[in-house]
Amino acid sequence: MSINPDIRPRTIALANQKGGVGKTTTAINLATALAAIGEEVLLIDLDPQGNASTGLGIERDEREASTYDLLTGTMSLVDVVQKTAVPRLSIAPATLDLLGVEMEIADQPDRPFKLKKAIAGHLGRNPDFTYILIDCPPSLNLLTLNSLAAADSILVPLQAEFFALEGLSQLLQTVEQVRGTINKRLSIQGIVLTMVDKRNNLAGQVQDDVRETLGDLVYETTIPRNVRISEAPSFGKPVLLYDIKCAGSQAYLKLASELIQREKSLQADSED
């Protein structure tokens, strides 16, 4: 795929301060699905747990360079990025060193913009991606702020459970604060419902409530609760490589297509 150097990639942060909602699983599999339909994708793992890196087959002893080096300024993005087993998908892996990065850069005035500067510096020399996805930690800390400062938009994985909207309101407030301070262009790309069990009446009620409250922000595509999605990370594979025919893989392919359509609509609106 040839890339027009004048087109800047879309940078999307996947964030939810609540853990266990399928955020990293969505980051891994959405990135894979986008690559599968022809996009050039970079996944930046900014979660100290490094699960996105593990889920794409990057073992811990293979992470000599990581996003820690990126944020501390000791390495550039080109030094950190690794190819994955998925064609057209690369990753900037994470290590537990990220746990200490907040203290290391706390006294630096540009601390929320470390990731943004690293991405900008890389793209100035190597405009080789059409999408950059950032897997944020499940908390609203300096790592997440770096992600939101660097991103064009935020995609929110939301588990179809009783307290879903309660946690979401805090995150949306944070987005508004970020817009007013460090990134005025940040928008809500969308909200995707995860771990949906269609046999569960409560899940259906939650879906209805979320769609009624948030309208078009909510993706039509939902991600089902699917055993193949749960099994895939233990093999170091996204579910699309583990079992392309399962319901989870098909859902992520649909999500990727819907995301691209949304991006085209956003681009068309900005040009009007």
C-alpha atoms as a PDB file:
ATOM      1  CA  MET A   1       0.000   0.000   0.000  1.00  0.00           C
ATOM      2  CA  SER A   2       1.494   3.357  -1.007  1.00  0.00           C
ATOM      3  CA  ILE A   3       1.001   6.203   1.418  1.00  0.00           C
ATOM      4  CA  ASN A   4       0.586   9.823   0.491  1.00  0.00           C
ATOM      5  CA  PRO A   5       3.193  11.663   2.599  1.00  0.00           C
ATOM      6  CA  ASP A   6       0.898  14.687   2.769  1.00  0.00           C
ATOM      7  CA  ILE A   7      -1.764  12.702   4.669  1.00  0.00           C
ATOM      8  CA  ARG A   8      -1.197  12.540   8.397  1.00  0.00           C
ATOM      9  CA  PRO A   9      -2.323   9.306  10.042  1.00  0.00           C
ATOM     10  CA  ARG A  10      -5.330   9.349  12.329  1.00  0.00           C
ATOM     11  CA  THR A  11      -4.280   8.835  15.938  1.00  0.00           C
ATOM     12  CA  ILE A  12      -6.907   7.223  18.161  1.00  0.00           C
ATOM     13  CA  ALA A  13      -6.552   6.583  21.893  1.00  0.00           C
ATOM     14  CA  LEU A  14      -8.426   3.623  23.352  1.00  0.00           C
ATOM     15  CA  ALA A  15      -9.241   4.612  26.901  1.00  0.00           C
ATOM     16  CA  ASN A  16     -11.451   3.778  29.826  1.00  0.00           C
ATOM     17  CA  GLN A  17     -10.346   4.347  33.404  1.00  0.00           C
ATOM     18  CA  LYS A  18     -12.289   1.250  34.435  1.00  0.00           C
ATOM     19  CA  GLY A  19     -10.337  -1.990  34.053  1.00  0.00           C
ATOM     20  CA  GLY A  20     -11.707  -5.226  32.669  1.00  0.00           C
ATOM     21  CA  VAL A  21     -13.844  -3.688  29.928  1.00  0.00           C
ATOM     22  CA  GLY A  22     -12.001  -5.197  26.957  1.00  0.00           C
ATOM     23  CA  LYS A  23      -9.882  -2.136  26.214  1.00  0.00           C
ATOM     24  CA  THR A  24      -6.622  -3.916  25.419  1.00  0.00           C
ATOM     25  CA  THR A  25      -8.432  -6.763  23.680  1.00  0.00           C
ATOM     26  CA  THR A  26     -10.129  -4.185  21.480  1.00  0.00           C
ATOM     27  CA  ALA A  27      -6.829  -2.379  20.822  1.00  0.00           C
ATOM     28  CA  ILE A  28      -5.159  -5.606  19.686  1.00  0.00           C
ATOM     29  CA  ASN A  29      -7.990  -6.875  17.537  1.00  0.00           C
ATOM     30  CA  LEU A  30      -9.119  -3.568  16.057  1.00  0.00           C
ATOM     31  CA  ALA A  31      -5.515  -2.865  15.028  1.00  0.00           C
ATOM     32  CA  THR A  32      -5.326  -6.333  13.467  1.00  0.00           C
ATOM     33  CA  ALA A  33      -8.641  -5.896  11.681  1.00  0.00           C
ATOM     34  CA  LEU A  34      -7.613  -2.518  10.259  1.00  0.00           C
ATOM     35  CA  ALA A  35      -4.380  -4.069   8.983  1.00  0.00           C
ATOM     36  CA  ALA A  36      -6.324  -7.009   7.532  1.00  0.00           C
ATOM     37  CA  ILE A  37      -8.431  -4.689   5.374  1.00  0.00           C
ATOM     38  CA  GLY A  38      -5.392  -2.852   4.040  1.00  0.00           C
ATOM     39  CA  GLU A  39      -4.481  -0.093   6.485  1.00  0.00           C
ATOM     40  CA  GLU A  40      -0.917   0.483   7.726  1.00  0.00           C
ATOM     41  CA  VAL A  41      -1.280   0.432  11.509  1.00  0.00           C
ATOM     42  CA  LEU A  42       0.906   1.243  14.507  1.00  0.00           C
ATOM     43  CA  LEU A  43      -0.250   0.183  17.961  1.00  0.00           C
ATOM     44  CA  ILE A  44       1.423   2.097  20.787  1.00  0.00           C
ATOM     45  CA  ASP A  45       1.294   0.177  24.074  1.00  0.00           C
ATOM     46  CA  LEU A  46       1.225   2.729  26.886  1.00  0.00           C
ATOM     47  CA  ASP A  47      -0.027   0.392  29.610  1.00  0.00           C
ATOM     48  CA  PRO A  48       2.737  -0.763  32.011  1.00  0.00           C
ATOM     49  CA  GLN A  49       1.176  -4.230  32.079  1.00  0.00           C
ATOM     50  CA  GLY A  50       2.197  -4.583  28.438  1.00  0.00           C
ATOM     51  CA  ASN A  51      -0.691  -6.883  27.609  1.00  0.00           C
ATOM     52  CA  ALA A  52      -1.148  -5.483  24.107  1.00  0.00           C
ATOM     53  CA  SER A  53       2.484  -6.347  23.395  1.00  0.00           C
ATOM     54  CA  THR A  54       2.080  -9.861  24.780  1.00  0.00           C
ATOM     55  CA  GLY A  55      -1.177 -10.351  22.881  1.00  0.00           C
ATOM     56  CA  LEU A  56       0.640  -9.624  19.622  1.00  0.00           C
ATOM     57  CA  GLY A  57       3.383 -12.127  20.372  1.00  0.00           C
ATOM     58  CA  ILE A  58       6.102  -9.766  21.592  1.00  0.00           C
ATOM     59  CA  GLU A  59       7.708 -11.582  24.527  1.00  0.00           C
ATOM     60  CA  ARG A  60       9.056  -9.547  27.443  1.00  0.00           C
ATOM     61  CA  ASP A  61      12.679 -10.459  26.689  1.00  0.00           C
ATOM     62  CA  GLU A  62      12.179  -9.079  23.168  1.00  0.00           C
ATOM     63  CA  ARG A  63      11.349  -5.576  24.409  1.00  0.00           C
ATOM     64  CA  GLU A  64      14.824  -4.075  24.598  1.00  0.00           C
ATOM     65  CA  ALA A  65      13.331  -0.766  23.483  1.00  0.00           C
ATOM     66  CA  SER A  66       9.914   0.315  24.703  1.00  0.00           C
ATOM     67  CA  THR A  67       7.533   3.222  25.132  1.00  0.00           C
ATOM     68  CA  TYR A  68       9.373   4.001  28.381  1.00  0.00           C
ATOM     69  CA  ASP A  69      12.411   4.972  26.287  1.00  0.00           C
ATOM     70  CA  LEU A  70      10.110   7.019  24.082  1.00  0.00           C
ATOM     71  CA  LEU A  71       8.661   9.093  26.935  1.00  0.00           C
ATOM     72  CA  THR A  72      12.018   9.628  28.654  1.00  0.00           C
ATOM     73  CA  GLY A  73      13.496  10.782  25.346  1.00  0.00           C
ATOM     74  CA  THR A  74      16.321   8.222  25.219  1.00  0.00           C
ATOM     75  CA  MET A  75      15.025   6.696  21.967  1.00  0.00           C
ATOM     76  CA  SER A  76      12.922   7.779  19.019  1.00  0.00           C
ATOM     77  CA  LEU A  77       9.815   6.007  17.765  1.00  0.00           C
ATOM     78  CA  VAL A  78      11.708   4.435  14.872  1.00  0.00           C
ATOM     79  CA  ASP A  79      14.030   2.771  17.413  1.00  0.00           C
ATOM     80  CA  VAL A  80      11.134   1.405  19.458  1.00  0.00           C
ATOM     81  CA  VAL A  81       8.718   0.113  16.790  1.00  0.00           C
ATOM     82  CA  GLN A  82       8.685  -3.621  16.032  1.00  0.00           C
ATOM     83  CA  LYS A  83       6.960  -5.570  13.305  1.00  0.00           C
ATOM     84  CA  THR A  84       4.380  -8.120  14.403  1.00  0.00           C
ATOM     85  CA  ALA A  85       3.269 -11.405  12.849  1.00  0.00           C
ATOM     86  CA  VAL A  86       0.343  -9.490  11.354  1.00  0.00           C
ATOM     87  CA  PRO A  87       1.175  -7.943   7.954  1.00  0.00           C
ATOM     88  CA  ARG A  88       0.952  -4.111   7.998  1.00  0.00           C
ATOM     89  CA  LEU A  89       0.758  -4.012  11.817  1.00  0.00           C
ATOM     90  CA  SER A  90       3.628  -2.713  13.963  1.00  0.00           C
ATOM     91  CA  ILE A  91       3.816  -2.118  17.704  1.00  0.00           C
ATOM     92  CA  ALA A  92       5.699   0.113  20.106  1.00  0.00           C
ATOM     93  CA  PRO A  93       5.814  -2.306  23.074  1.00  0.00           C
ATOM     94  CA  ALA A  94       5.520  -1.519  26.768  1.00  0.00           C
ATOM     95  CA  THR A  95       7.416  -2.721  29.835  1.00  0.00           C
ATOM     96  CA  LEU A  96       6.955  -2.359  33.587  1.00  0.00           C
ATOM     97  CA  ASP A  97       9.470   0.519  33.438  1.00  0.00           C
ATOM     98  CA  LEU A  98       6.495   2.712  32.521  1.00  0.00           C
ATOM     99  CA  LEU A  99       5.428   2.523  36.180  1.00  0.00           C
ATOM    100  CA  GLY A 100       8.273   4.892  37.056  1.00  0.00           C
ATOM    101  CA  VAL A 101       8.106   7.248  34.112  1.00  0.00           C
ATOM    102  CA  GLU A 102       5.700   9.653  35.798  1.00  0.00           C
ATOM    103  CA  MET A 103       8.226  10.485  38.515  1.00  0.00           C
ATOM    104  CA  GLU A 104      11.068  10.775  36.010  1.00  0.00           C
ATOM    105  CA  ILE A 105       9.361  13.418  33.874  1.00  0.00           C
ATOM    106  CA  ALA A 106       7.199  15.058  36.568  1.00  0.00           C
ATOM    107  CA  ASP A 107       9.298  18.233  36.753  1.00  0.00           C
ATOM    108  CA  GLN A 108       9.484  18.743  32.984  1.00  0.00           C
ATOM    109  CA  PRO A 109       7.115  21.420  31.615  1.00  0.00           C
ATOM    110  CA  ASP A 110       6.380  19.420  28.453  1.00  0.00           C
ATOM    111  CA  ARG A 111       5.513  16.218  30.376  1.00  0.00           C
ATOM    112  CA  PRO A 112       1.980  15.792  28.856  1.00  0.00           C
ATOM    113  CA  PHE A 113       3.367  16.178  25.322  1.00  0.00           C
ATOM    114  CA  LYS A 114       6.174  13.597  25.286  1.00  0.00           C
ATOM    115  CA  LEU A 115       4.249  11.105  23.158  1.00  0.00           C
ATOM    116  CA  LYS A 116       2.880  13.774  20.824  1.00  0.00           C
ATOM    117  CA  LYS A 117       6.406  15.052  20.138  1.00  0.00           C
ATOM    118  CA  ALA A 118       7.732  11.539  19.565  1.00  0.00           C
ATOM    119  CA  ILE A 119       4.982  10.783  17.044  1.00  0.00           C
ATOM    120  CA  ALA A 120       5.413  14.124  15.281  1.00  0.00           C
ATOM    121  CA  GLY A 121       9.173  13.653  15.045  1.00  0.00           C
ATOM    122  CA  HIS A 122       8.734  10.203  13.541  1.00  0.00           C
ATOM    123  CA  LEU A 123       6.123  11.224  10.997  1.00  0.00           C
ATOM    124  CA  GLY A 124       8.296  14.085   9.815  1.00  0.00           C
ATOM    125  CA  ARG A 125      10.750  11.479   8.549  1.00  0.00           C
ATOM    126  CA  ASN A 126       8.621   8.368   8.063  1.00  0.00           C
ATOM    127  CA  PRO A 127       4.963   8.979   7.151  1.00  0.00           C
ATOM    128  CA  ASP A 128       4.381   5.234   6.998  1.00  0.00           C
ATOM    129  CA  PHE A 129       1.117   4.673   8.895  1.00  0.00           C
ATOM    130  CA  THR A 130      -2.522   5.451   8.138  1.00  0.00           C
ATOM    131  CA  TYR A 131      -3.731   4.700  11.681  1.00  0.00           C
ATOM    132  CA  ILE A 132      -2.018   4.954  15.050  1.00  0.00           C
ATOM    133  CA  LEU A 133      -3.871   3.342  17.956  1.00  0.00           C
ATOM    134  CA  ILE A 134      -2.799   3.967  21.556  1.00  0.00           C
ATOM    135  CA  ASP A 135      -3.638   1.477  24.302  1.00  0.00           C
ATOM    136  CA  CYS A 136      -3.987   3.555  27.467  1.00  0.00           C
ATOM    137  CA  PRO A 137      -3.656   2.283  31.050  1.00  0.00           C
ATOM    138  CA  PRO A 138      -6.923   1.774  32.979  1.00  0.00           C
ATOM    139  CA  SER A 139      -6.509   4.995  34.960  1.00  0.00           C
ATOM    140  CA  LEU A 140      -6.441   8.743  34.390  1.00  0.00           C
ATOM    141  CA  ASN A 141      -2.741   9.405  34.965  1.00  0.00           C
ATOM    142  CA  LEU A 142       0.117  11.102  33.110  1.00  0.00           C
ATOM    143  CA  LEU A 143       0.390   8.210  30.655  1.00  0.00           C
ATOM    144  CA  THR A 144      -3.262   8.635  29.712  1.00  0.00           C
ATOM    145  CA  LEU A 145      -2.824  12.403  29.435  1.00  0.00           C
ATOM    146  CA  ASN A 146       0.078  11.832  27.039  1.00  0.00           C
ATOM    147  CA  SER A 147      -2.200   9.619  24.956  1.00  0.00           C
ATOM    148  CA  LEU A 148      -5.023  12.168  24.886  1.00  0.00           C
ATOM    149  CA  ALA A 149      -2.629  15.006  24.059  1.00  0.00           C
ATOM    150  CA  ALA A 150      -1.304  13.038  21.077  1.00  0.00           C
ATOM    151  CA  ALA A 151      -4.636  11.746  19.799  1.00  0.00           C
ATOM    152  CA  ASP A 152      -7.074  13.139  17.272  1.00  0.00           C
ATOM    153  CA  SER A 153      -9.890  11.256  18.966  1.00  0.00           C
ATOM    154  CA  ILE A 154     -10.755   8.770  21.681  1.00  0.00           C
ATOM    155  CA  LEU A 155     -12.462   5.403  21.266  1.00  0.00           C
ATOM    156  CA  VAL A 156     -14.098   4.089  24.430  1.00  0.00           C
ATOM    157  CA  PRO A 157     -14.650   0.351  24.929  1.00  0.00           C
ATOM    158  CA  LEU A 158     -17.605   0.019  27.284  1.00  0.00           C
ATOM    159  CA  GLN A 159     -18.692  -3.215  28.924  1.00  0.00           C
ATOM    160  CA  ALA A 160     -22.401  -3.872  28.734  1.00  0.00           C
ATOM    161  CA  GLU A 161     -22.954  -3.920  32.495  1.00  0.00           C
ATOM    162  CA  PHE A 162     -25.037  -2.087  35.077  1.00  0.00           C
ATOM    163  CA  PHE A 163     -22.457   0.586  36.065  1.00  0.00           C
ATOM    164  CA  ALA A 164     -21.274   1.291  32.505  1.00  0.00           C
ATOM    165  CA  LEU A 165     -22.628   4.837  32.203  1.00  0.00           C
ATOM    166  CA  GLU A 166     -21.448   5.840  35.665  1.00  0.00           C
ATOM    167  CA  GLY A 167     -17.781   5.304  34.830  1.00  0.00           C
ATOM    168  CA  LEU A 168     -18.160   6.765  31.363  1.00  0.00           C
ATOM    169  CA  SER A 169     -19.312  10.152  32.639  1.00  0.00           C
ATOM    170  CA  GLN A 170     -16.007  10.686  34.454  1.00  0.00           C
ATOM    171  CA  LEU A 171     -14.043   9.874  31.318  1.00  0.00           C
ATOM    172  CA  LEU A 172     -16.125  12.268  29.198  1.00  0.00           C
ATOM    173  CA  GLN A 173     -15.497  15.015  31.754  1.00  0.00           C
ATOM    174  CA  THR A 174     -11.771  14.349  31.429  1.00  0.00           C
ATOM    175  CA  VAL A 175     -12.028  14.650  27.640  1.00  0.00           C
ATOM    176  CA  GLU A 176     -13.660  18.068  28.059  1.00  0.00           C
ATOM    177  CA  GLN A 177     -10.867  19.157  30.401  1.00  0.00           C
ATOM    178  CA  VAL A 178      -8.225  17.967  27.942  1.00  0.00           C
ATOM    179  CA  ARG A 179      -9.959  19.879  25.134  1.00  0.00           C
ATOM    180  CA  GLY A 180      -9.797  23.032  27.210  1.00  0.00           C
ATOM    181  CA  THR A 181      -6.148  22.678  28.186  1.00  0.00           C
ATOM    182  CA  ILE A 182      -3.768  20.478  26.198  1.00  0.00           C
ATOM    183  CA  ASN A 183      -5.587  19.298  23.042  1.00  0.00           C
ATOM    184  CA  LYS A 184      -8.440  21.383  21.660  1.00  0.00           C
ATOM    185  CA  ARG A 185      -8.872  19.090  18.612  1.00  0.00           C
ATOM    186  CA  LEU A 186      -9.621  15.954  20.671  1.00  0.00           C
ATOM    187  CA  SER A 187     -13.000  14.437  19.809  1.00  0.00           C
ATOM    188  CA  ILE A 188     -14.993  11.370  20.768  1.00  0.00           C
ATOM    189  CA  GLN A 189     -14.463   8.917  17.912  1.00  0.00           C
ATOM    190  CA  GLY A 190     -17.025   6.543  19.307  1.00  0.00           C
ATOM    191  CA  ILE A 191     -18.100   4.167  22.043  1.00  0.00           C
ATOM    192  CA  VAL A 192     -18.065   0.429  21.407  1.00  0.00           C
ATOM    193  CA  LEU A 193     -19.989  -1.990  23.587  1.00  0.00           C
ATOM    194  CA  THR A 194     -17.913  -5.026  24.567  1.00  0.00           C
ATOM    195  CA  MET A 195     -18.527  -8.420  26.201  1.00  0.00           C
ATOM    196  CA  VAL A 196     -22.118  -8.367  25.013  1.00  0.00           C
ATOM    197  CA  ASP A 197     -24.116 -11.481  25.880  1.00  0.00           C
ATOM    198  CA  LYS A 198     -27.282 -11.423  23.813  1.00  0.00           C
ATOM    199  CA  ARG A 199     -28.831 -14.083  26.050  1.00  0.00           C
ATOM    200  CA  ASN A 200     -28.605 -11.715  29.008  1.00  0.00           C
ATOM    201  CA  ASN A 201     -31.588  -9.385  29.383  1.00  0.00           C
ATOM    202  CA  LEU A 202     -29.533  -6.931  31.457  1.00  0.00           C
ATOM    203  CA  ALA A 203     -26.993  -6.537  28.634  1.00  0.00           C
ATOM    204  CA  GLY A 204     -29.821  -5.641  26.268  1.00  0.00           C
ATOM    205  CA  GLN A 205     -31.158  -3.081  28.728  1.00  0.00           C
ATOM    206  CA  VAL A 206     -27.710  -1.536  29.157  1.00  0.00           C
ATOM    207  CA  GLN A 207     -27.317  -1.291  25.364  1.00  0.00           C
ATOM    208  CA  ASP A 208     -30.660   0.475  25.083  1.00  0.00           C
ATOM    209  CA  ASP A 209     -29.749   2.900  27.899  1.00  0.00           C
ATOM    210  CA  VAL A 210     -26.343   3.701  26.409  1.00  0.00           C
ATOM    211  CA  ARG A 211     -27.758   4.291  22.930  1.00  0.00           C
ATOM    212  CA  GLU A 212     -30.598   6.425  24.280  1.00  0.00           C
ATOM    213  CA  THR A 213     -28.154   8.541  26.294  1.00  0.00           C
ATOM    214  CA  LEU A 214     -25.306   8.862  23.787  1.00  0.00           C
ATOM    215  CA  GLY A 215     -27.012   8.388  20.432  1.00  0.00           C
ATOM    216  CA  ASP A 216     -24.770   8.274  17.364  1.00  0.00           C
ATOM    217  CA  LEU A 217     -21.602   8.162  19.454  1.00  0.00           C
ATOM    218  CA  VAL A 218     -22.294   4.478  20.039  1.00  0.00           C
ATOM    219  CA  TYR A 219     -21.125   2.086  17.336  1.00  0.00           C
ATOM    220  CA  GLU A 220     -23.688  -0.144  15.672  1.00  0.00           C
ATOM    221  CA  THR A 221     -21.162  -2.977  15.911  1.00  0.00           C
ATOM    222  CA  THR A 222     -20.946  -4.683  19.289  1.00  0.00           C
ATOM    223  CA  ILE A 223     -18.301  -7.127  20.487  1.00  0.00           C
ATOM    224  CA  PRO A 224     -19.776 -10.376  21.811  1.00  0.00           C
ATOM    225  CA  ARG A 225     -18.644 -12.313  24.850  1.00  0.00           C
ATOM    226  CA  ASN A 226     -16.742 -15.014  22.973  1.00  0.00           C
ATOM    227  CA  VAL A 227     -14.495 -17.795  24.281  1.00  0.00           C
ATOM    228  CA  ARG A 228     -12.157 -17.576  21.266  1.00  0.00           C
ATOM    229  CA  ILE A 229     -11.420 -13.913  22.068  1.00  0.00           C
ATOM    230  CA  SER A 230     -10.479 -14.977  25.613  1.00  0.00           C
ATOM    231  CA  GLU A 231      -8.270 -17.861  24.451  1.00  0.00           C
ATOM    232  CA  ALA A 232      -6.277 -16.008  21.778  1.00  0.00           C
ATOM    233  CA  PRO A 233      -3.932 -13.935  24.049  1.00  0.00           C
ATOM    234  CA  SER A 234      -2.536 -17.060  25.712  1.00  0.00           C
ATOM    235  CA  PHE A 235      -1.211 -18.041  22.261  1.00  0.00           C
ATOM    236  CA  GLY A 236       0.248 -14.558  21.654  1.00  0.00           C
ATOM    237  CA  LYS A 237      -2.190 -13.985  18.818  1.00  0.00           C
ATOM    238  CA  PRO A 238      -5.064 -11.633  18.025  1.00  0.00           C
ATOM    239  CA  VAL A 239      -8.308 -13.512  17.638  1.00  0.00           C
ATOM    240  CA  LEU A 240      -8.290 -12.910  13.870  1.00  0.00           C
ATOM    241  CA  LEU A 241      -5.151 -15.059  13.583  1.00  0.00           C
ATOM    242  CA  TYR A 242      -6.367 -17.557  16.149  1.00  0.00           C
ATOM    243  CA  ASP A 243      -9.793 -18.186  14.603  1.00  0.00           C
ATOM    244  CA  ILE A 244     -10.842 -15.925  11.744  1.00  0.00           C
ATOM    245  CA  LYS A 245     -14.288 -17.512  11.477  1.00  0.00           C
ATOM    246  CA  CYS A 246     -15.408 -17.054  15.081  1.00  0.00           C
ATOM    247  CA  ALA A 247     -18.005 -14.461  16.065  1.00  0.00           C
ATOM    248  CA  GLY A 248     -15.385 -12.308  17.814  1.00  0.00           C
ATOM    249  CA  SER A 249     -13.176 -12.026  14.730  1.00  0.00           C
ATOM    250  CA  GLN A 250     -16.111 -11.147  12.519  1.00  0.00           C
ATOM    251  CA  ALA A 251     -17.222  -8.481  15.003  1.00  0.00           C
ATOM    252  CA  TYR A 252     -13.803  -6.809  14.992  1.00  0.00           C
ATOM    253  CA  LEU A 253     -13.710  -6.800  11.189  1.00  0.00           C
ATOM    254  CA  LYS A 254     -17.114  -5.092  11.197  1.00  0.00           C
ATOM    255  CA  LEU A 255     -15.885  -2.623  13.813  1.00  0.00           C
ATOM    256  CA  ALA A 256     -12.846  -1.745  11.689  1.00  0.00           C
ATOM    257  CA  SER A 257     -15.039  -1.147   8.638  1.00  0.00           C
ATOM    258  CA  GLU A 258     -17.415   1.015  10.646  1.00  0.00           C
ATOM    259  CA  LEU A 259     -14.508   3.004  12.084  1.00  0.00           C
ATOM    260  CA  ILE A 260     -13.151   3.722   8.607  1.00  0.00           C
ATOM    261  CA  GLN A 261     -16.593   4.868   7.453  1.00  0.00           C
ATOM    262  CA  ARG A 262     -16.814   7.199  10.428  1.00  0.00           C
ATOM    263  CA  GLU A 263     -13.380   8.583   9.663  1.00  0.00           C
ATOM    264  CA  LYS A 264     -14.389   9.253   6.046  1.00  0.00           C
ATOM    265  CA  SER A 265     -17.494  11.085   7.261  1.00  0.00           C
ATOM    266  CA  LEU A 266     -15.440  13.162   9.695  1.00  0.00           C
ATOM    267  CA  GLN A 267     -12.995  14.048   6.927  1.00  0.00           C
ATOM    268  CA  ALA A 268     -15.823  14.999   4.561  1.00  0.00           C
ATOM    269  CA  ASP A 269     -17.426  17.197   7.247  1.00  0.00           C
ATOM    270  CA  SER A 270     -14.118  18.961   7.912  1.00  0.00           C
ATOM    271  CA  GLU A 271     -13.723  19.729   4.203  1.00  0.00           C
ATOM    272  CA  ASP A 272     -17.206  21.247   3.844  1.00  0.00           C
END
